[in-house]
Amino acid sequence: SHITEMGESEPPRDPLVFLKPNTSVIGPDAPIVLPPWSDEVHYEAELAVVIKTLAKDVPIDHADDVILGYTVANDVSARDRQRAEPQWVRAKAFDTSCPLGPWIEVPEPGREPIFTPDDAVVRARVDGRLVQEGRTADMIRSVRELVSYISTIFTLLPGDVILTGTPAGVGEIRAGQRVEVEVEGIGSFSNPVVRR
């Protein structure tokens, strides 16, 4: 549904892939710093997948073998730059644009999993108000498909994180607000928003 709200009539043939550098990653309660060159920064609550082992050309039916666990992400995006520029580096990769947390939910071998990625609720709240809610069951491509596809482009390394996409309801955040992201079955965390 996020595809429709962004004005697209059809999903892309292949997943859209972009990179976030390690300087974009922050944890719970760390400030999201709005960049001075953007006037429209959005939250995007997402399920995130953490890779546990070197992975290249992973078949879909072996994707679980390379996944360490799952966490929650906020794919903070400078939407005005995303619309204006043909590539998304500046829009998606600026410092503090990838809050992650609150921990990694790791499946234990031989035990019933606490969390499964196939049908989890993903939410965002701004200043406590629910602004985004969707289910991973509605994703265009499953977690396993994404891991497999991305591993055909470049080698995944232990600790790499894959963000899986956001439901409809994205919106702007402003300095002074607090944005919370949640994946049901994992947990939630929040970050203050500042402009320096």
C-alpha atoms as a PDB file:
ATOM      1  CA  SER A   1       0.000   0.000   0.000  1.00  0.00           C
ATOM      2  CA  HIS A   2       3.013   2.314   0.397  1.00  0.00           C
ATOM      3  CA  ILE A   3       3.574   1.991  -3.392  1.00  0.00           C
ATOM      4  CA  THR A   4       0.117   3.485  -4.019  1.00  0.00           C
ATOM      5  CA  GLU A   5       0.542   6.347  -1.554  1.00  0.00           C
ATOM      6  CA  MET A   6       3.800   7.266  -3.290  1.00  0.00           C
ATOM      7  CA  GLY A   7       1.870   7.730  -6.554  1.00  0.00           C
ATOM      8  CA  GLU A   8       2.964   4.535  -8.291  1.00  0.00           C
ATOM      9  CA  SER A   9       0.369   2.375 -10.012  1.00  0.00           C
ATOM     10  CA  GLU A  10       2.441  -0.820 -10.165  1.00  0.00           C
ATOM     11  CA  PRO A  11       5.109  -2.277  -7.904  1.00  0.00           C
ATOM     12  CA  PRO A  12       8.600  -2.337  -9.408  1.00  0.00           C
ATOM     13  CA  ARG A  13       9.525  -5.489 -11.315  1.00  0.00           C
ATOM     14  CA  ASP A  14      12.523  -6.005  -9.033  1.00  0.00           C
ATOM     15  CA  PRO A  15      12.978  -4.831  -5.446  1.00  0.00           C
ATOM     16  CA  LEU A  16      14.465  -1.337  -5.167  1.00  0.00           C
ATOM     17  CA  VAL A  17      17.827  -1.633  -3.432  1.00  0.00           C
ATOM     18  CA  PHE A  18      19.760   1.149  -1.702  1.00  0.00           C
ATOM     19  CA  LEU A  19      22.487   1.220   0.932  1.00  0.00           C
ATOM     20  CA  LYS A  20      22.685   2.929   4.298  1.00  0.00           C
ATOM     21  CA  PRO A  21      26.208   3.433   5.699  1.00  0.00           C
ATOM     22  CA  ASN A  22      27.103   2.593   9.283  1.00  0.00           C
ATOM     23  CA  THR A  23      26.996   6.334  10.118  1.00  0.00           C
ATOM     24  CA  SER A  24      23.240   6.264   9.464  1.00  0.00           C
ATOM     25  CA  VAL A  25      22.646   3.726  12.258  1.00  0.00           C
ATOM     26  CA  ILE A  26      21.533   4.903  15.705  1.00  0.00           C
ATOM     27  CA  GLY A  27      19.855   3.143  18.595  1.00  0.00           C
ATOM     28  CA  PRO A  28      16.841   3.779  20.808  1.00  0.00           C
ATOM     29  CA  ASP A  29      16.577   7.289  22.296  1.00  0.00           C
ATOM     30  CA  ALA A  30      19.406   8.685  20.139  1.00  0.00           C
ATOM     31  CA  PRO A  31      18.285  11.799  18.244  1.00  0.00           C
ATOM     32  CA  ILE A  32      17.286  11.700  14.598  1.00  0.00           C
ATOM     33  CA  VAL A  33      19.027  14.797  13.239  1.00  0.00           C
ATOM     34  CA  LEU A  34      17.128  16.408  10.371  1.00  0.00           C
ATOM     35  CA  PRO A  35      19.585  17.391   7.633  1.00  0.00           C
ATOM     36  CA  PRO A  36      19.803  21.129   6.797  1.00  0.00           C
ATOM     37  CA  TRP A  37      19.319  20.412   3.059  1.00  0.00           C
ATOM     38  CA  SER A  38      15.887  18.792   3.427  1.00  0.00           C
ATOM     39  CA  ASP A  39      12.528  20.327   4.311  1.00  0.00           C
ATOM     40  CA  GLU A  40      10.530  17.067   4.282  1.00  0.00           C
ATOM     41  CA  VAL A  41      11.808  14.100   6.281  1.00  0.00           C
ATOM     42  CA  HIS A  42       9.532  11.079   6.806  1.00  0.00           C
ATOM     43  CA  TYR A  43       9.401   8.111   9.176  1.00  0.00           C
ATOM     44  CA  GLU A  44       9.038   4.574   7.755  1.00  0.00           C
ATOM     45  CA  ALA A  45       8.481   1.753  10.260  1.00  0.00           C
ATOM     46  CA  GLU A  46       9.946  -1.523   8.996  1.00  0.00           C
ATOM     47  CA  LEU A  47      10.884  -5.059   9.935  1.00  0.00           C
ATOM     48  CA  ALA A  48      14.670  -5.513   9.718  1.00  0.00           C
ATOM     49  CA  VAL A  49      16.561  -8.754   9.107  1.00  0.00           C
ATOM     50  CA  VAL A  50      20.032  -9.315  10.588  1.00  0.00           C
ATOM     51  CA  ILE A  51      22.422 -11.582   8.664  1.00  0.00           C
ATOM     52  CA  LYS A  52      24.521 -14.127  10.598  1.00  0.00           C
ATOM     53  CA  THR A  53      26.922 -15.551   8.034  1.00  0.00           C
ATOM     54  CA  LEU A  54      28.593 -14.821   4.728  1.00  0.00           C
ATOM     55  CA  ALA A  55      25.890 -15.149   2.092  1.00  0.00           C
ATOM     56  CA  LYS A  56      26.090 -15.044  -1.701  1.00  0.00           C
ATOM     57  CA  ASP A  57      23.506 -16.306  -4.231  1.00  0.00           C
ATOM     58  CA  VAL A  58      21.318 -17.785  -1.494  1.00  0.00           C
ATOM     59  CA  PRO A  59      18.379 -19.868  -2.787  1.00  0.00           C
ATOM     60  CA  ILE A  60      15.036 -18.732  -1.339  1.00  0.00           C
ATOM     61  CA  ASP A  61      14.535 -22.056   0.444  1.00  0.00           C
ATOM     62  CA  HIS A  62      17.893 -21.582   2.256  1.00  0.00           C
ATOM     63  CA  ALA A  63      17.431 -17.941   3.266  1.00  0.00           C
ATOM     64  CA  ASP A  64      16.595 -18.860   6.873  1.00  0.00           C
ATOM     65  CA  ASP A  65      20.049 -20.465   7.133  1.00  0.00           C
ATOM     66  CA  VAL A  66      21.775 -17.073   6.815  1.00  0.00           C
ATOM     67  CA  ILE A  67      19.430 -15.065   9.080  1.00  0.00           C
ATOM     68  CA  LEU A  68      20.560 -14.396  12.656  1.00  0.00           C
ATOM     69  CA  GLY A  69      17.328 -12.738  13.703  1.00  0.00           C
ATOM     70  CA  TYR A  70      14.988  -9.773  13.404  1.00  0.00           C
ATOM     71  CA  THR A  71      14.770  -6.254  14.754  1.00  0.00           C
ATOM     72  CA  VAL A  72      12.826  -3.035  14.217  1.00  0.00           C
ATOM     73  CA  ALA A  73      13.920  -0.200  11.930  1.00  0.00           C
ATOM     74  CA  ASN A  74      12.902   3.313  11.011  1.00  0.00           C
ATOM     75  CA  ASP A  75      13.944   4.000   7.410  1.00  0.00           C
ATOM     76  CA  VAL A  76      14.078   7.771   7.869  1.00  0.00           C
ATOM     77  CA  SER A  77      13.902   9.348   4.414  1.00  0.00           C
ATOM     78  CA  ALA A  78      14.381  12.860   3.053  1.00  0.00           C
ATOM     79  CA  ARG A  79      11.332  12.607   0.819  1.00  0.00           C
ATOM     80  CA  ASP A  80      11.930  15.872  -1.054  1.00  0.00           C
ATOM     81  CA  ARG A  81      15.414  14.665  -2.071  1.00  0.00           C
ATOM     82  CA  GLN A  82      14.058  11.209  -2.940  1.00  0.00           C
ATOM     83  CA  ARG A  83      11.593  12.754  -5.387  1.00  0.00           C
ATOM     84  CA  ALA A  84      14.097  15.227  -6.850  1.00  0.00           C
ATOM     85  CA  GLU A  85      17.137  12.993  -7.413  1.00  0.00           C
ATOM     86  CA  PRO A  86      17.436   9.890  -9.627  1.00  0.00           C
ATOM     87  CA  GLN A  87      19.332   7.928  -6.985  1.00  0.00           C
ATOM     88  CA  TRP A  88      18.402   7.745  -3.302  1.00  0.00           C
ATOM     89  CA  VAL A  89      21.774   8.022  -1.568  1.00  0.00           C
ATOM     90  CA  ARG A  90      21.248  11.474  -0.106  1.00  0.00           C
ATOM     91  CA  ALA A  91      17.576  10.786   0.705  1.00  0.00           C
ATOM     92  CA  LYS A  92      18.205   7.521   2.541  1.00  0.00           C
ATOM     93  CA  ALA A  93      21.820   7.453   3.766  1.00  0.00           C
ATOM     94  CA  PHE A  94      22.328  10.618   5.802  1.00  0.00           C
ATOM     95  CA  ASP A  95      23.638  10.422   9.378  1.00  0.00           C
ATOM     96  CA  THR A  96      21.033   9.137  11.899  1.00  0.00           C
ATOM     97  CA  SER A  97      18.652   7.952   9.139  1.00  0.00           C
ATOM     98  CA  CYS A  98      18.537   4.330  10.305  1.00  0.00           C
ATOM     99  CA  PRO A  99      17.355   3.913  13.894  1.00  0.00           C
ATOM    100  CA  LEU A 100      17.470   0.213  14.887  1.00  0.00           C
ATOM    101  CA  GLY A 101      16.352  -1.583  18.020  1.00  0.00           C
ATOM    102  CA  PRO A 102      15.367  -2.435  20.627  1.00  0.00           C
ATOM    103  CA  TRP A 103      17.246  -5.747  20.290  1.00  0.00           C
ATOM    104  CA  ILE A 104      17.660  -8.660  17.892  1.00  0.00           C
ATOM    105  CA  GLU A 105      15.033 -11.370  18.264  1.00  0.00           C
ATOM    106  CA  VAL A 106      17.023 -14.565  17.591  1.00  0.00           C
ATOM    107  CA  PRO A 107      15.196 -17.850  16.894  1.00  0.00           C
ATOM    108  CA  GLU A 108      16.455 -20.676  19.103  1.00  0.00           C
ATOM    109  CA  PRO A 109      17.093 -23.982  17.320  1.00  0.00           C
ATOM    110  CA  GLY A 110      14.697 -26.698  18.393  1.00  0.00           C
ATOM    111  CA  ARG A 111      12.269 -24.272  20.064  1.00  0.00           C
ATOM    112  CA  GLU A 112       9.036 -22.784  18.799  1.00  0.00           C
ATOM    113  CA  PRO A 113       9.954 -19.297  17.522  1.00  0.00           C
ATOM    114  CA  ILE A 114       8.739 -16.302  19.533  1.00  0.00           C
ATOM    115  CA  PHE A 115       8.659 -14.234  16.358  1.00  0.00           C
ATOM    116  CA  THR A 116       7.979 -15.209  12.748  1.00  0.00           C
ATOM    117  CA  PRO A 117       8.323 -12.655   9.945  1.00  0.00           C
ATOM    118  CA  ASP A 118       5.459 -13.876   7.765  1.00  0.00           C
ATOM    119  CA  ASP A 119       2.566 -11.984   9.396  1.00  0.00           C
ATOM    120  CA  ALA A 120       3.671  -9.432  11.982  1.00  0.00           C
ATOM    121  CA  VAL A 121       2.121  -6.025  12.621  1.00  0.00           C
ATOM    122  CA  VAL A 122       4.366  -3.022  11.855  1.00  0.00           C
ATOM    123  CA  ARG A 123       3.478   0.352  13.435  1.00  0.00           C
ATOM    124  CA  ALA A 124       4.714   3.911  13.821  1.00  0.00           C
ATOM    125  CA  ARG A 125       3.606   6.558  16.273  1.00  0.00           C
ATOM    126  CA  VAL A 126       4.498  10.237  16.341  1.00  0.00           C
ATOM    127  CA  ASP A 127       4.156  11.866  19.768  1.00  0.00           C
ATOM    128  CA  GLY A 128       2.105   8.837  20.841  1.00  0.00           C
ATOM    129  CA  ARG A 129      -0.405   9.070  17.977  1.00  0.00           C
ATOM    130  CA  LEU A 130      -0.715   5.973  15.741  1.00  0.00           C
ATOM    131  CA  VAL A 131       0.218   7.073  12.208  1.00  0.00           C
ATOM    132  CA  GLN A 132       1.179   3.857  10.447  1.00  0.00           C
ATOM    133  CA  GLU A 133       0.061   0.244  10.710  1.00  0.00           C
ATOM    134  CA  GLY A 134       0.371  -2.699   8.352  1.00  0.00           C
ATOM    135  CA  ARG A 135       1.283  -6.364   8.246  1.00  0.00           C
ATOM    136  CA  THR A 136       4.340  -8.114   6.865  1.00  0.00           C
ATOM    137  CA  ALA A 137       1.904 -10.523   5.164  1.00  0.00           C
ATOM    138  CA  ASP A 138       1.078  -7.628   2.823  1.00  0.00           C
ATOM    139  CA  MET A 139       4.679  -7.112   1.678  1.00  0.00           C
ATOM    140  CA  ILE A 140       5.226  -7.437  -2.070  1.00  0.00           C
ATOM    141  CA  ARG A 141       8.085  -9.870  -1.446  1.00  0.00           C
ATOM    142  CA  SER A 142       8.738 -12.096   1.560  1.00  0.00           C
ATOM    143  CA  VAL A 143      11.779 -11.813   3.805  1.00  0.00           C
ATOM    144  CA  ARG A 144      13.220 -14.955   2.208  1.00  0.00           C
ATOM    145  CA  GLU A 145      12.758 -13.544  -1.306  1.00  0.00           C
ATOM    146  CA  LEU A 146      14.466 -10.288  -0.305  1.00  0.00           C
ATOM    147  CA  VAL A 147      17.447 -12.023   1.305  1.00  0.00           C
ATOM    148  CA  SER A 148      17.853 -14.269  -1.742  1.00  0.00           C
ATOM    149  CA  TYR A 149      17.528 -11.409  -4.233  1.00  0.00           C
ATOM    150  CA  ILE A 150      19.913  -9.072  -2.436  1.00  0.00           C
ATOM    151  CA  SER A 151      22.515 -11.840  -2.088  1.00  0.00           C
ATOM    152  CA  THR A 152      22.634 -12.073  -5.895  1.00  0.00           C
ATOM    153  CA  ILE A 153      23.714  -8.413  -6.100  1.00  0.00           C
ATOM    154  CA  PHE A 154      26.405  -8.386  -3.418  1.00  0.00           C
ATOM    155  CA  THR A 155      27.799 -10.637  -0.736  1.00  0.00           C
ATOM    156  CA  LEU A 156      26.061 -10.242   2.603  1.00  0.00           C
ATOM    157  CA  LEU A 157      28.280 -10.229   5.682  1.00  0.00           C
ATOM    158  CA  PRO A 158      27.585 -11.116   9.316  1.00  0.00           C
ATOM    159  CA  GLY A 159      25.864  -8.147  10.937  1.00  0.00           C
ATOM    160  CA  ASP A 160      24.452  -6.725   7.716  1.00  0.00           C
ATOM    161  CA  VAL A 161      20.866  -5.514   8.111  1.00  0.00           C
ATOM    162  CA  ILE A 162      18.154  -5.635   5.455  1.00  0.00           C
ATOM    163  CA  LEU A 163      15.151  -3.323   5.784  1.00  0.00           C
ATOM    164  CA  THR A 164      12.100  -4.953   4.236  1.00  0.00           C
ATOM    165  CA  GLY A 165       9.776  -2.092   3.274  1.00  0.00           C
ATOM    166  CA  THR A 166       7.112  -0.011   4.926  1.00  0.00           C
ATOM    167  CA  PRO A 167       3.314  -0.030   4.967  1.00  0.00           C
ATOM    168  CA  ALA A 168       1.192   2.948   3.942  1.00  0.00           C
ATOM    169  CA  GLY A 169       0.911   5.881   6.298  1.00  0.00           C
ATOM    170  CA  VAL A 170       4.376   7.422   6.067  1.00  0.00           C
ATOM    171  CA  GLY A 171       4.542  11.065   7.005  1.00  0.00           C
ATOM    172  CA  GLU A 172       6.677  13.983   8.008  1.00  0.00           C
ATOM    173  CA  ILE A 173       8.561  14.367  11.272  1.00  0.00           C
ATOM    174  CA  ARG A 174       9.636  17.709  12.698  1.00  0.00           C
ATOM    175  CA  ALA A 175      12.096  18.883  15.318  1.00  0.00           C
ATOM    176  CA  GLY A 176      10.678  18.491  18.814  1.00  0.00           C
ATOM    177  CA  GLN A 177       8.654  15.388  17.997  1.00  0.00           C
ATOM    178  CA  ARG A 178       9.314  11.813  19.089  1.00  0.00           C
ATOM    179  CA  VAL A 179       8.809   8.942  16.660  1.00  0.00           C
ATOM    180  CA  GLU A 180       8.252   5.362  17.806  1.00  0.00           C
ATOM    181  CA  VAL A 181       8.455   2.270  15.607  1.00  0.00           C
ATOM    182  CA  GLU A 182       7.245  -1.205  16.511  1.00  0.00           C
ATOM    183  CA  VAL A 183       7.065  -4.710  15.130  1.00  0.00           C
ATOM    184  CA  GLU A 184       4.632  -6.817  17.114  1.00  0.00           C
ATOM    185  CA  GLY A 185       6.430  -9.838  18.543  1.00  0.00           C
ATOM    186  CA  ILE A 186       9.776  -8.032  18.707  1.00  0.00           C
ATOM    187  CA  GLY A 187       9.180  -4.732  20.485  1.00  0.00           C
ATOM    188  CA  SER A 188       9.313  -1.000  20.009  1.00  0.00           C
ATOM    189  CA  PHE A 189      11.608   1.958  20.568  1.00  0.00           C
ATOM    190  CA  SER A 190      11.550   5.675  19.967  1.00  0.00           C
ATOM    191  CA  ASN A 191      13.801   8.559  19.032  1.00  0.00           C
ATOM    192  CA  PRO A 192      13.546  12.324  19.518  1.00  0.00           C
ATOM    193  CA  VAL A 193      13.748  14.452  16.364  1.00  0.00           C
ATOM    194  CA  VAL A 194      16.094  17.464  16.342  1.00  0.00           C
ATOM    195  CA  ARG A 195      17.416  20.014  13.886  1.00  0.00           C
ATOM    196  CA  ARG A 196      20.910  21.408  14.485  1.00  0.00           C
END
